[in-house]
Amino acid sequence: MFTELILLGFTKDLTISTLLFILFSIIYLVTVFGNGLIIGIILHNHHLHIPMFYFLCVLSVCDLSYSSTAVPRLLSDLFTSKRVISQGACTIQIYVILLLEGCECLLLAIMAYDRYVAICRPLHYHALMRWSICYKLTAMIFISSFMMCIFPSIFLRITLCDNQINHFMCEILAVLKLACGNISSNEIVIFSISFITLLLPFVLIIISYICILSSVLKIKSAGRAKAFSTCSSHLAVVGLYFGTVMLMFLGPPSQYSTNQEKYSSVFYVIVSPMLNPIIYSLNNKEVKDTVRKLCSTFIVTQTSIQ
């Protein structure tokens, strides 16, 4: 029984640690600013109080929480010789990451469904996506993620033979590599959880966009461009997130090296939450217009004060 675990991180070389600190600090600041800006814009602009932007706001909250679970500790550990984390804190970090992973996958599927209803069944959109349903869907996302990701993980019993985790955070696959004896039953549980929370939402997203594509091709050119613009940002986020997570989780953990898992985690825990608001902002006219108005108002205010 180990009361403390050691995170090996990336390196103990001071020069490389300094460069990584600068890089990850910039990424985290962009993540906080970008997701905070998306949340602020959607709350500020009443024209954006529609289901599509509501779910985008929830996605920004998840991304912000996702990144904040791992990055602040990573930044502090880069200049620490002994990167120790208690067993309780490690367990909490694993559960929070699993919960947010499940929420993000289900949320992206719900956002694809929202686009399907808006484009394929526009006359029924306000009935199918009324606010009461949106709130219920949000509650369902968090409850389902807990029941599918956290609840089965509670029953995983792992006896550790070592306390040095080759990772920058407590990640379930990295911790599993420290287990003694046969871990095939644990691998089956993890694969089952991954299949439900990753593959099924991904299939639903693909089906939604097949229906959307067939409907968009029937629209006239002007409306087609707007529909493609709305959906392309969501598809980019789906490809970035599901691509890296599915690569790591949909397979026996013993097949992958801990270094491979560590660097894959950088993409879906650190990089993806930073890119999501940038992708949605660049591809969304309403968001860009609101940013321009806020900037113009700020400049006028500063000019009048001076």
C-alpha atoms as a PDB file:
ATOM      1  CA  MET A   1       0.000   0.000   0.000  1.00  0.00           C
ATOM      2  CA  PHE A   2       1.448   3.322  -1.085  1.00  0.00           C
ATOM      3  CA  THR A   3       0.177   6.487   0.580  1.00  0.00           C
ATOM      4  CA  GLU A   4       2.003   8.684  -1.934  1.00  0.00           C
ATOM      5  CA  LEU A   5       2.622   8.416  -5.664  1.00  0.00           C
ATOM      6  CA  ILE A   6       5.369  10.057  -7.725  1.00  0.00           C
ATOM      7  CA  LEU A   7       4.615  11.681 -11.090  1.00  0.00           C
ATOM      8  CA  LEU A   8       7.680  11.414 -13.326  1.00  0.00           C
ATOM      9  CA  GLY A   9       6.372  14.082 -15.722  1.00  0.00           C
ATOM     10  CA  PHE A  10       8.351  14.864 -18.870  1.00  0.00           C
ATOM     11  CA  THR A  11      11.912  15.613 -17.780  1.00  0.00           C
ATOM     12  CA  LYS A  12      14.096  16.846 -14.932  1.00  0.00           C
ATOM     13  CA  ASP A  13      16.336  18.883 -17.209  1.00  0.00           C
ATOM     14  CA  LEU A  14      16.006  22.531 -16.116  1.00  0.00           C
ATOM     15  CA  THR A  15      16.285  24.008 -19.614  1.00  0.00           C
ATOM     16  CA  ILE A  16      13.646  21.727 -21.117  1.00  0.00           C
ATOM     17  CA  SER A  17      11.427  22.229 -18.057  1.00  0.00           C
ATOM     18  CA  THR A  18      11.662  26.011 -18.507  1.00  0.00           C
ATOM     19  CA  LEU A  19      10.676  25.742 -22.181  1.00  0.00           C
ATOM     20  CA  LEU A  20       7.803  23.418 -21.332  1.00  0.00           C
ATOM     21  CA  PHE A  21       6.685  25.796 -18.563  1.00  0.00           C
ATOM     22  CA  ILE A  22       6.552  28.702 -21.034  1.00  0.00           C
ATOM     23  CA  LEU A  23       4.735  26.589 -23.655  1.00  0.00           C
ATOM     24  CA  PHE A  24       2.130  25.119 -21.302  1.00  0.00           C
ATOM     25  CA  SER A  25       1.627  28.482 -19.558  1.00  0.00           C
ATOM     26  CA  ILE A  26       0.801  30.129 -22.894  1.00  0.00           C
ATOM     27  CA  ILE A  27      -1.535  27.268 -23.826  1.00  0.00           C
ATOM     28  CA  TYR A  28      -3.301  27.442 -20.451  1.00  0.00           C
ATOM     29  CA  LEU A  29      -3.686  31.232 -20.605  1.00  0.00           C
ATOM     30  CA  VAL A  30      -5.159  30.959 -24.114  1.00  0.00           C
ATOM     31  CA  THR A  31      -7.462  28.175 -22.860  1.00  0.00           C
ATOM     32  CA  VAL A  32      -8.713  30.233 -19.913  1.00  0.00           C
ATOM     33  CA  PHE A  33      -9.071  33.419 -21.966  1.00  0.00           C
ATOM     34  CA  GLY A  34     -10.667  31.700 -24.987  1.00  0.00           C
ATOM     35  CA  ASN A  35     -13.202  29.620 -23.078  1.00  0.00           C
ATOM     36  CA  GLY A  36     -13.905  32.486 -20.669  1.00  0.00           C
ATOM     37  CA  LEU A  37     -14.490  34.783 -23.660  1.00  0.00           C
ATOM     38  CA  ILE A  38     -16.903  32.291 -25.245  1.00  0.00           C
ATOM     39  CA  ILE A  39     -18.851  31.972 -21.978  1.00  0.00           C
ATOM     40  CA  GLY A  40     -18.906  35.762 -21.467  1.00  0.00           C
ATOM     41  CA  ILE A  41     -19.996  36.487 -25.049  1.00  0.00           C
ATOM     42  CA  ILE A  42     -22.844  33.968 -24.936  1.00  0.00           C
ATOM     43  CA  LEU A  43     -24.077  35.260 -21.562  1.00  0.00           C
ATOM     44  CA  HIS A  44     -23.743  38.911 -22.661  1.00  0.00           C
ATOM     45  CA  ASN A  45     -25.408  38.683 -26.088  1.00  0.00           C
ATOM     46  CA  HIS A  46     -29.132  37.867 -25.834  1.00  0.00           C
ATOM     47  CA  HIS A  47     -29.200  36.977 -29.544  1.00  0.00           C
ATOM     48  CA  LEU A  48     -26.975  34.006 -28.716  1.00  0.00           C
ATOM     49  CA  HIS A  49     -29.396  32.601 -26.138  1.00  0.00           C
ATOM     50  CA  ILE A  50     -30.324  29.661 -28.333  1.00  0.00           C
ATOM     51  CA  PRO A  51     -29.670  25.918 -27.783  1.00  0.00           C
ATOM     52  CA  MET A  52     -26.638  25.780 -30.126  1.00  0.00           C
ATOM     53  CA  PHE A  53     -24.755  28.448 -28.155  1.00  0.00           C
ATOM     54  CA  TYR A  54     -26.049  27.136 -24.837  1.00  0.00           C
ATOM     55  CA  PHE A  55     -24.352  23.778 -25.502  1.00  0.00           C
ATOM     56  CA  LEU A  56     -21.257  25.601 -26.737  1.00  0.00           C
ATOM     57  CA  CYS A  57     -21.182  27.440 -23.398  1.00  0.00           C
ATOM     58  CA  VAL A  58     -21.440  24.111 -21.533  1.00  0.00           C
ATOM     59  CA  LEU A  59     -18.599  22.749 -23.713  1.00  0.00           C
ATOM     60  CA  SER A  60     -16.422  25.738 -22.755  1.00  0.00           C
ATOM     61  CA  VAL A  61     -17.120  25.110 -19.062  1.00  0.00           C
ATOM     62  CA  CYS A  62     -16.116  21.435 -19.500  1.00  0.00           C
ATOM     63  CA  ASP A  63     -12.954  22.384 -21.419  1.00  0.00           C
ATOM     64  CA  LEU A  64     -11.987  24.940 -18.798  1.00  0.00           C
ATOM     65  CA  SER A  65     -12.515  22.393 -16.009  1.00  0.00           C
ATOM     66  CA  TYR A  66     -10.729  19.702 -18.025  1.00  0.00           C
ATOM     67  CA  SER A  67      -7.596  21.768 -18.504  1.00  0.00           C
ATOM     68  CA  SER A  68      -7.620  23.150 -14.946  1.00  0.00           C
ATOM     69  CA  THR A  69      -7.660  19.624 -13.511  1.00  0.00           C
ATOM     70  CA  ALA A  70      -4.170  18.838 -14.832  1.00  0.00           C
ATOM     71  CA  VAL A  71      -2.300  21.911 -16.126  1.00  0.00           C
ATOM     72  CA  PRO A  72      -1.801  23.991 -12.910  1.00  0.00           C
ATOM     73  CA  ARG A  73      -0.250  20.991 -11.149  1.00  0.00           C
ATOM     74  CA  LEU A  74       1.839  20.207 -14.235  1.00  0.00           C
ATOM     75  CA  LEU A  75       3.236  23.764 -14.234  1.00  0.00           C
ATOM     76  CA  SER A  76       4.160  23.575 -10.554  1.00  0.00           C
ATOM     77  CA  ASP A  77       5.727  20.119 -10.955  1.00  0.00           C
ATOM     78  CA  LEU A  78       8.044  21.229 -13.764  1.00  0.00           C
ATOM     79  CA  PHE A  79      10.348  22.932 -11.241  1.00  0.00           C
ATOM     80  CA  THR A  80       9.930  20.367  -8.457  1.00  0.00           C
ATOM     81  CA  SER A  81      12.490  17.602  -8.008  1.00  0.00           C
ATOM     82  CA  LYS A  82      10.087  15.283  -6.154  1.00  0.00           C
ATOM     83  CA  ARG A  83       6.653  15.364  -7.804  1.00  0.00           C
ATOM     84  CA  VAL A  84       4.613  13.693  -5.078  1.00  0.00           C
ATOM     85  CA  ILE A  85       0.826  13.364  -5.054  1.00  0.00           C
ATOM     86  CA  SER A  86      -1.208  11.690  -2.337  1.00  0.00           C
ATOM     87  CA  GLN A  87      -3.195   8.589  -3.157  1.00  0.00           C
ATOM     88  CA  GLY A  88      -6.472  10.396  -2.393  1.00  0.00           C
ATOM     89  CA  ALA A  89      -5.631  13.351  -4.640  1.00  0.00           C
ATOM     90  CA  CYS A  90      -4.577  10.951  -7.388  1.00  0.00           C
ATOM     91  CA  THR A  91      -7.876   9.056  -7.155  1.00  0.00           C
ATOM     92  CA  ILE A  92      -9.884  12.289  -7.263  1.00  0.00           C
ATOM     93  CA  GLN A  93      -7.963  13.465 -10.342  1.00  0.00           C
ATOM     94  CA  ILE A  94      -8.651  10.151 -12.111  1.00  0.00           C
ATOM     95  CA  TYR A  95     -12.384  10.383 -11.370  1.00  0.00           C
ATOM     96  CA  VAL A  96     -12.657  14.038 -12.423  1.00  0.00           C
ATOM     97  CA  ILE A  97     -10.846  13.362 -15.713  1.00  0.00           C
ATOM     98  CA  LEU A  98     -13.070  10.336 -16.408  1.00  0.00           C
ATOM     99  CA  LEU A  99     -16.215  12.337 -15.608  1.00  0.00           C
ATOM    100  CA  LEU A 100     -15.224  15.218 -17.893  1.00  0.00           C
ATOM    101  CA  GLU A 101     -14.185  12.838 -20.683  1.00  0.00           C
ATOM    102  CA  GLY A 102     -17.610  11.209 -20.602  1.00  0.00           C
ATOM    103  CA  CYS A 103     -19.362  14.595 -20.476  1.00  0.00           C
ATOM    104  CA  GLU A 104     -17.392  15.906 -23.456  1.00  0.00           C
ATOM    105  CA  CYS A 105     -18.176  12.860 -25.611  1.00  0.00           C
ATOM    106  CA  LEU A 106     -21.900  12.953 -24.809  1.00  0.00           C
ATOM    107  CA  LEU A 107     -22.028  16.738 -25.200  1.00  0.00           C
ATOM    108  CA  LEU A 108     -20.471  16.585 -28.684  1.00  0.00           C
ATOM    109  CA  ALA A 109     -23.102  13.984 -29.629  1.00  0.00           C
ATOM    110  CA  ILE A 110     -25.893  16.242 -28.325  1.00  0.00           C
ATOM    111  CA  MET A 111     -24.465  19.176 -30.291  1.00  0.00           C
ATOM    112  CA  ALA A 112     -24.494  17.028 -33.444  1.00  0.00           C
ATOM    113  CA  TYR A 113     -28.135  16.140 -32.741  1.00  0.00           C
ATOM    114  CA  ASP A 114     -28.944  19.846 -32.302  1.00  0.00           C
ATOM    115  CA  ARG A 115     -27.441  20.589 -35.743  1.00  0.00           C
ATOM    116  CA  TYR A 116     -29.362  17.627 -37.218  1.00  0.00           C
ATOM    117  CA  VAL A 117     -32.691  18.954 -35.925  1.00  0.00           C
ATOM    118  CA  ALA A 118     -31.890  22.537 -37.005  1.00  0.00           C
ATOM    119  CA  ILE A 119     -30.981  21.549 -40.580  1.00  0.00           C
ATOM    120  CA  CYS A 120     -33.036  18.424 -41.275  1.00  0.00           C
ATOM    121  CA  ARG A 121     -36.166  19.269 -39.255  1.00  0.00           C
ATOM    122  CA  PRO A 122     -36.226  23.082 -39.010  1.00  0.00           C
ATOM    123  CA  LEU A 123     -40.017  23.348 -38.560  1.00  0.00           C
ATOM    124  CA  HIS A 124     -39.855  21.146 -35.462  1.00  0.00           C
ATOM    125  CA  TYR A 125     -36.689  22.695 -34.026  1.00  0.00           C
ATOM    126  CA  HIS A 126     -38.319  24.904 -31.385  1.00  0.00           C
ATOM    127  CA  ALA A 127     -40.457  22.006 -30.181  1.00  0.00           C
ATOM    128  CA  LEU A 128     -37.691  19.389 -30.117  1.00  0.00           C
ATOM    129  CA  MET A 129     -35.017  21.699 -28.664  1.00  0.00           C
ATOM    130  CA  ARG A 130     -37.009  23.849 -26.253  1.00  0.00           C
ATOM    131  CA  TRP A 131     -35.233  25.039 -23.129  1.00  0.00           C
ATOM    132  CA  SER A 132     -36.774  22.464 -20.794  1.00  0.00           C
ATOM    133  CA  ILE A 133     -35.393  19.687 -23.005  1.00  0.00           C
ATOM    134  CA  CYS A 134     -31.965  21.376 -23.206  1.00  0.00           C
ATOM    135  CA  TYR A 135     -31.727  21.515 -19.406  1.00  0.00           C
ATOM    136  CA  LYS A 136     -32.784  17.862 -19.131  1.00  0.00           C
ATOM    137  CA  LEU A 137     -30.198  16.875 -21.742  1.00  0.00           C
ATOM    138  CA  THR A 138     -27.496  18.710 -19.768  1.00  0.00           C
ATOM    139  CA  ALA A 139     -28.474  16.908 -16.567  1.00  0.00           C
ATOM    140  CA  MET A 140     -28.549  13.624 -18.483  1.00  0.00           C
ATOM    141  CA  ILE A 141     -24.997  14.252 -19.764  1.00  0.00           C
ATOM    142  CA  PHE A 142     -23.513  14.613 -16.268  1.00  0.00           C
ATOM    143  CA  ILE A 143     -25.580  11.821 -14.692  1.00  0.00           C
ATOM    144  CA  SER A 144     -24.867   9.413 -17.565  1.00  0.00           C
ATOM    145  CA  SER A 145     -21.161  10.241 -17.477  1.00  0.00           C
ATOM    146  CA  PHE A 146     -21.048   9.509 -13.754  1.00  0.00           C
ATOM    147  CA  MET A 147     -22.928   6.216 -14.118  1.00  0.00           C
ATOM    148  CA  MET A 148     -20.904   5.053 -17.144  1.00  0.00           C
ATOM    149  CA  CYS A 149     -17.408   6.268 -16.203  1.00  0.00           C
ATOM    150  CA  ILE A 150     -17.147   6.784 -12.442  1.00  0.00           C
ATOM    151  CA  PHE A 151     -19.469   4.130 -11.030  1.00  0.00           C
ATOM    152  CA  PRO A 152     -17.798   1.104 -12.738  1.00  0.00           C
ATOM    153  CA  SER A 153     -14.335   2.515 -11.932  1.00  0.00           C
ATOM    154  CA  ILE A 154     -15.113   2.478  -8.201  1.00  0.00           C
ATOM    155  CA  PHE A 155     -15.141  -1.327  -8.298  1.00  0.00           C
ATOM    156  CA  LEU A 156     -11.725  -1.625  -9.969  1.00  0.00           C
ATOM    157  CA  ARG A 157      -9.352  -3.204  -7.465  1.00  0.00           C
ATOM    158  CA  ILE A 158      -5.682  -2.539  -8.208  1.00  0.00           C
ATOM    159  CA  THR A 159      -2.693  -3.577  -6.086  1.00  0.00           C
ATOM    160  CA  LEU A 160       0.295  -1.411  -6.970  1.00  0.00           C
ATOM    161  CA  CYS A 161       3.805  -2.850  -7.173  1.00  0.00           C
ATOM    162  CA  ASP A 162       5.385   0.557  -7.766  1.00  0.00           C
ATOM    163  CA  ASN A 163       4.511   4.168  -6.951  1.00  0.00           C
ATOM    164  CA  GLN A 164       6.242   5.961  -9.848  1.00  0.00           C
ATOM    165  CA  ILE A 165       3.770   6.981 -12.558  1.00  0.00           C
ATOM    166  CA  ASN A 166       5.333   7.773 -15.935  1.00  0.00           C
ATOM    167  CA  HIS A 167       2.899  10.602 -16.585  1.00  0.00           C
ATOM    168  CA  PHE A 168       2.295  14.283 -15.777  1.00  0.00           C
ATOM    169  CA  MET A 169      -1.058  13.481 -14.115  1.00  0.00           C
ATOM    170  CA  CYS A 170      -2.918  10.561 -12.578  1.00  0.00           C
ATOM    171  CA  GLU A 171      -4.353   8.861 -15.643  1.00  0.00           C
ATOM    172  CA  ILE A 172      -6.093   5.513 -15.271  1.00  0.00           C
ATOM    173  CA  LEU A 173      -4.088   3.673 -17.955  1.00  0.00           C
ATOM    174  CA  ALA A 174      -0.771   4.901 -16.553  1.00  0.00           C
ATOM    175  CA  VAL A 175      -1.753   3.836 -13.009  1.00  0.00           C
ATOM    176  CA  LEU A 176      -2.914   0.458 -14.310  1.00  0.00           C
ATOM    177  CA  LYS A 177       0.600  -0.250 -15.609  1.00  0.00           C
ATOM    178  CA  LEU A 178       1.835  -0.232 -11.995  1.00  0.00           C
ATOM    179  CA  ALA A 179      -0.563  -3.036 -11.005  1.00  0.00           C
ATOM    180  CA  CYS A 180       0.656  -6.418  -9.819  1.00  0.00           C
ATOM    181  CA  GLY A 181      -0.536  -9.674 -11.352  1.00  0.00           C
ATOM    182  CA  ASN A 182      -3.161 -10.200 -14.046  1.00  0.00           C
ATOM    183  CA  ILE A 183      -5.044  -7.029 -15.039  1.00  0.00           C
ATOM    184  CA  SER A 184      -7.085  -8.505 -17.920  1.00  0.00           C
ATOM    185  CA  SER A 185     -10.384  -8.077 -16.042  1.00  0.00           C
ATOM    186  CA  ASN A 186      -9.573  -4.396 -15.427  1.00  0.00           C
ATOM    187  CA  GLU A 187      -8.705  -3.992 -19.118  1.00  0.00           C
ATOM    188  CA  ILE A 188     -12.097  -5.457 -20.077  1.00  0.00           C
ATOM    189  CA  VAL A 189     -13.874  -2.987 -17.761  1.00  0.00           C
ATOM    190  CA  ILE A 190     -11.934  -0.040 -19.205  1.00  0.00           C
ATOM    191  CA  PHE A 191     -12.581  -1.196 -22.782  1.00  0.00           C
ATOM    192  CA  SER A 192     -16.317  -1.565 -22.038  1.00  0.00           C
ATOM    193  CA  ILE A 193     -16.483   1.927 -20.534  1.00  0.00           C
ATOM    194  CA  SER A 194     -14.558   3.329 -23.525  1.00  0.00           C
ATOM    195  CA  PHE A 195     -16.825   1.531 -25.998  1.00  0.00           C
ATOM    196  CA  ILE A 196     -19.971   3.020 -24.458  1.00  0.00           C
ATOM    197  CA  THR A 197     -18.676   6.550 -23.846  1.00  0.00           C
ATOM    198  CA  LEU A 198     -16.518   6.933 -26.980  1.00  0.00           C
ATOM    199  CA  LEU A 199     -17.623   4.686 -29.810  1.00  0.00           C
ATOM    200  CA  LEU A 200     -21.417   4.967 -29.404  1.00  0.00           C
ATOM    201  CA  PRO A 201     -21.471   8.820 -29.278  1.00  0.00           C
ATOM    202  CA  PHE A 202     -19.047   8.878 -32.221  1.00  0.00           C
ATOM    203  CA  VAL A 203     -21.352   6.613 -34.271  1.00  0.00           C
ATOM    204  CA  LEU A 204     -24.338   8.849 -33.416  1.00  0.00           C
ATOM    205  CA  ILE A 205     -22.353  11.895 -34.559  1.00  0.00           C
ATOM    206  CA  ILE A 206     -21.459  10.196 -37.864  1.00  0.00           C
ATOM    207  CA  ILE A 207     -25.117   9.207 -38.474  1.00  0.00           C
ATOM    208  CA  SER A 208     -26.261  12.771 -37.667  1.00  0.00           C
ATOM    209  CA  TYR A 209     -23.817  14.276 -40.141  1.00  0.00           C
ATOM    210  CA  ILE A 210     -24.693  11.789 -42.869  1.00  0.00           C
ATOM    211  CA  CYS A 211     -28.304  12.982 -42.543  1.00  0.00           C
ATOM    212  CA  ILE A 212     -27.137  16.614 -42.405  1.00  0.00           C
ATOM    213  CA  LEU A 213     -24.989  16.202 -45.519  1.00  0.00           C
ATOM    214  CA  SER A 214     -27.856  14.709 -47.516  1.00  0.00           C
ATOM    215  CA  SER A 215     -30.102  17.608 -46.462  1.00  0.00           C
ATOM    216  CA  VAL A 216     -27.486  20.310 -47.073  1.00  0.00           C
ATOM    217  CA  LEU A 217     -26.898  19.131 -50.644  1.00  0.00           C
ATOM    218  CA  LYS A 218     -30.572  19.867 -51.350  1.00  0.00           C
ATOM    219  CA  ILE A 219     -30.288  23.456 -50.051  1.00  0.00           C
ATOM    220  CA  LYS A 220     -29.577  26.389 -52.397  1.00  0.00           C
ATOM    221  CA  SER A 221     -25.977  27.647 -52.521  1.00  0.00           C
ATOM    222  CA  ALA A 222     -26.425  30.597 -50.085  1.00  0.00           C
ATOM    223  CA  GLY A 223     -28.001  28.505 -47.345  1.00  0.00           C
ATOM    224  CA  ARG A 224     -25.608  25.643 -48.040  1.00  0.00           C
ATOM    225  CA  ALA A 225     -22.548  27.780 -47.260  1.00  0.00           C
ATOM    226  CA  LYS A 226     -24.008  28.871 -43.896  1.00  0.00           C
ATOM    227  CA  ALA A 227     -24.910  25.285 -42.974  1.00  0.00           C
ATOM    228  CA  PHE A 228     -21.423  24.014 -43.860  1.00  0.00           C
ATOM    229  CA  SER A 229     -19.843  26.861 -41.864  1.00  0.00           C
ATOM    230  CA  THR A 230     -21.903  25.974 -38.787  1.00  0.00           C
ATOM    231  CA  CYS A 231     -21.130  22.252 -38.986  1.00  0.00           C
ATOM    232  CA  SER A 232     -17.463  22.375 -40.031  1.00  0.00           C
ATOM    233  CA  SER A 233     -16.320  23.801 -36.684  1.00  0.00           C
ATOM    234  CA  HIS A 234     -18.130  21.065 -34.777  1.00  0.00           C
ATOM    235  CA  LEU A 235     -16.678  18.364 -37.037  1.00  0.00           C
ATOM    236  CA  ALA A 236     -13.169  19.763 -36.495  1.00  0.00           C
ATOM    237  CA  VAL A 237     -13.615  19.600 -32.703  1.00  0.00           C
ATOM    238  CA  VAL A 238     -15.059  16.062 -32.935  1.00  0.00           C
ATOM    239  CA  GLY A 239     -12.154  14.857 -35.089  1.00  0.00           C
ATOM    240  CA  LEU A 240      -9.520  16.414 -32.823  1.00  0.00           C
ATOM    241  CA  TYR A 241     -10.982  15.097 -29.573  1.00  0.00           C
ATOM    242  CA  PHE A 242     -12.284  11.658 -30.544  1.00  0.00           C
ATOM    243  CA  GLY A 243      -9.231  10.908 -32.682  1.00  0.00           C
ATOM    244  CA  THR A 244      -6.735  11.153 -29.823  1.00  0.00           C
ATOM    245  CA  VAL A 245      -8.944   9.665 -27.093  1.00  0.00           C
ATOM    246  CA  MET A 246     -10.092   6.673 -29.149  1.00  0.00           C
ATOM    247  CA  LEU A 247      -6.508   5.974 -30.202  1.00  0.00           C
ATOM    248  CA  MET A 248      -5.543   5.573 -26.561  1.00  0.00           C
ATOM    249  CA  PHE A 249      -8.569   3.985 -24.881  1.00  0.00           C
ATOM    250  CA  LEU A 250     -10.015   1.596 -27.468  1.00  0.00           C
ATOM    251  CA  GLY A 251      -7.428  -1.120 -26.991  1.00  0.00           C
ATOM    252  CA  PRO A 252      -5.690  -3.100 -24.242  1.00  0.00           C
ATOM    253  CA  PRO A 253      -3.568  -0.669 -22.184  1.00  0.00           C
ATOM    254  CA  SER A 254      -0.674  -3.149 -22.199  1.00  0.00           C
ATOM    255  CA  GLN A 255      -0.230  -2.610 -25.967  1.00  0.00           C
ATOM    256  CA  TYR A 256       0.774   1.027 -25.552  1.00  0.00           C
ATOM    257  CA  SER A 257       3.854   2.507 -23.961  1.00  0.00           C
ATOM    258  CA  THR A 258       3.357   4.978 -21.138  1.00  0.00           C
ATOM    259  CA  ASN A 259       5.205   7.616 -23.190  1.00  0.00           C
ATOM    260  CA  GLN A 260       2.674   7.191 -25.999  1.00  0.00           C
ATOM    261  CA  GLU A 261      -0.199   7.589 -23.531  1.00  0.00           C
ATOM    262  CA  LYS A 262       1.465  10.599 -21.927  1.00  0.00           C
ATOM    263  CA  TYR A 263       1.891  12.489 -25.191  1.00  0.00           C
ATOM    264  CA  SER A 264      -1.611  11.544 -26.373  1.00  0.00           C
ATOM    265  CA  SER A 265      -2.966  12.995 -23.126  1.00  0.00           C
ATOM    266  CA  VAL A 266      -1.282  16.306 -23.950  1.00  0.00           C
ATOM    267  CA  PHE A 267      -3.519  16.620 -27.013  1.00  0.00           C
ATOM    268  CA  TYR A 268      -6.906  15.851 -25.470  1.00  0.00           C
ATOM    269  CA  VAL A 269      -6.319  17.349 -21.983  1.00  0.00           C
ATOM    270  CA  ILE A 270      -4.191  20.420 -22.807  1.00  0.00           C
ATOM    271  CA  VAL A 271      -4.272  21.241 -26.537  1.00  0.00           C
ATOM    272  CA  SER A 272      -7.900  20.388 -27.391  1.00  0.00           C
ATOM    273  CA  PRO A 273      -9.469  22.693 -24.733  1.00  0.00           C
ATOM    274  CA  MET A 274      -7.347  25.537 -26.141  1.00  0.00           C
ATOM    275  CA  LEU A 275      -8.271  24.905 -29.796  1.00  0.00           C
ATOM    276  CA  ASN A 276     -12.020  24.411 -29.298  1.00  0.00           C
ATOM    277  CA  PRO A 277     -12.910  28.099 -28.628  1.00  0.00           C
ATOM    278  CA  ILE A 278     -10.543  29.211 -31.413  1.00  0.00           C
ATOM    279  CA  ILE A 279     -12.203  26.855 -33.927  1.00  0.00           C
ATOM    280  CA  TYR A 280     -15.715  27.920 -32.958  1.00  0.00           C
ATOM    281  CA  SER A 281     -14.808  31.635 -32.888  1.00  0.00           C
ATOM    282  CA  LEU A 282     -13.161  31.642 -36.319  1.00  0.00           C
ATOM    283  CA  ASN A 283     -16.043  29.754 -37.938  1.00  0.00           C
ATOM    284  CA  ASN A 284     -18.960  31.551 -36.286  1.00  0.00           C
ATOM    285  CA  LYS A 285     -20.150  34.901 -37.629  1.00  0.00           C
ATOM    286  CA  GLU A 286     -22.289  35.731 -34.561  1.00  0.00           C
ATOM    287  CA  VAL A 287     -19.361  35.223 -32.180  1.00  0.00           C
ATOM    288  CA  LYS A 288     -17.011  37.312 -34.337  1.00  0.00           C
ATOM    289  CA  ASP A 289     -19.595  40.120 -34.617  1.00  0.00           C
ATOM    290  CA  THR A 290     -20.079  40.182 -30.836  1.00  0.00           C
ATOM    291  CA  VAL A 291     -16.294  40.334 -30.283  1.00  0.00           C
ATOM    292  CA  ARG A 292     -16.033  43.279 -32.708  1.00  0.00           C
ATOM    293  CA  LYS A 293     -18.863  45.111 -30.930  1.00  0.00           C
ATOM    294  CA  LEU A 294     -17.273  44.542 -27.518  1.00  0.00           C
ATOM    295  CA  CYS A 295     -13.894  45.761 -28.812  1.00  0.00           C
ATOM    296  CA  SER A 296     -15.501  48.860 -30.383  1.00  0.00           C
ATOM    297  CA  THR A 297     -17.386  49.620 -27.163  1.00  0.00           C
ATOM    298  CA  PHE A 298     -14.177  49.233 -25.128  1.00  0.00           C
ATOM    299  CA  ILE A 299     -12.214  51.526 -27.468  1.00  0.00           C
ATOM    300  CA  VAL A 300     -14.960  54.184 -27.405  1.00  0.00           C
ATOM    301  CA  THR A 301     -15.144  53.980 -23.602  1.00  0.00           C
ATOM    302  CA  GLN A 302     -11.375  54.357 -23.230  1.00  0.00           C
ATOM    303  CA  THR A 303     -11.344  57.271 -25.679  1.00  0.00           C
ATOM    304  CA  SER A 304     -14.100  59.111 -23.806  1.00  0.00           C
ATOM    305  CA  ILE A 305     -12.315  58.597 -20.473  1.00  0.00           C
ATOM    306  CA  GLN A 306      -9.113  60.077 -21.843  1.00  0.00           C
END
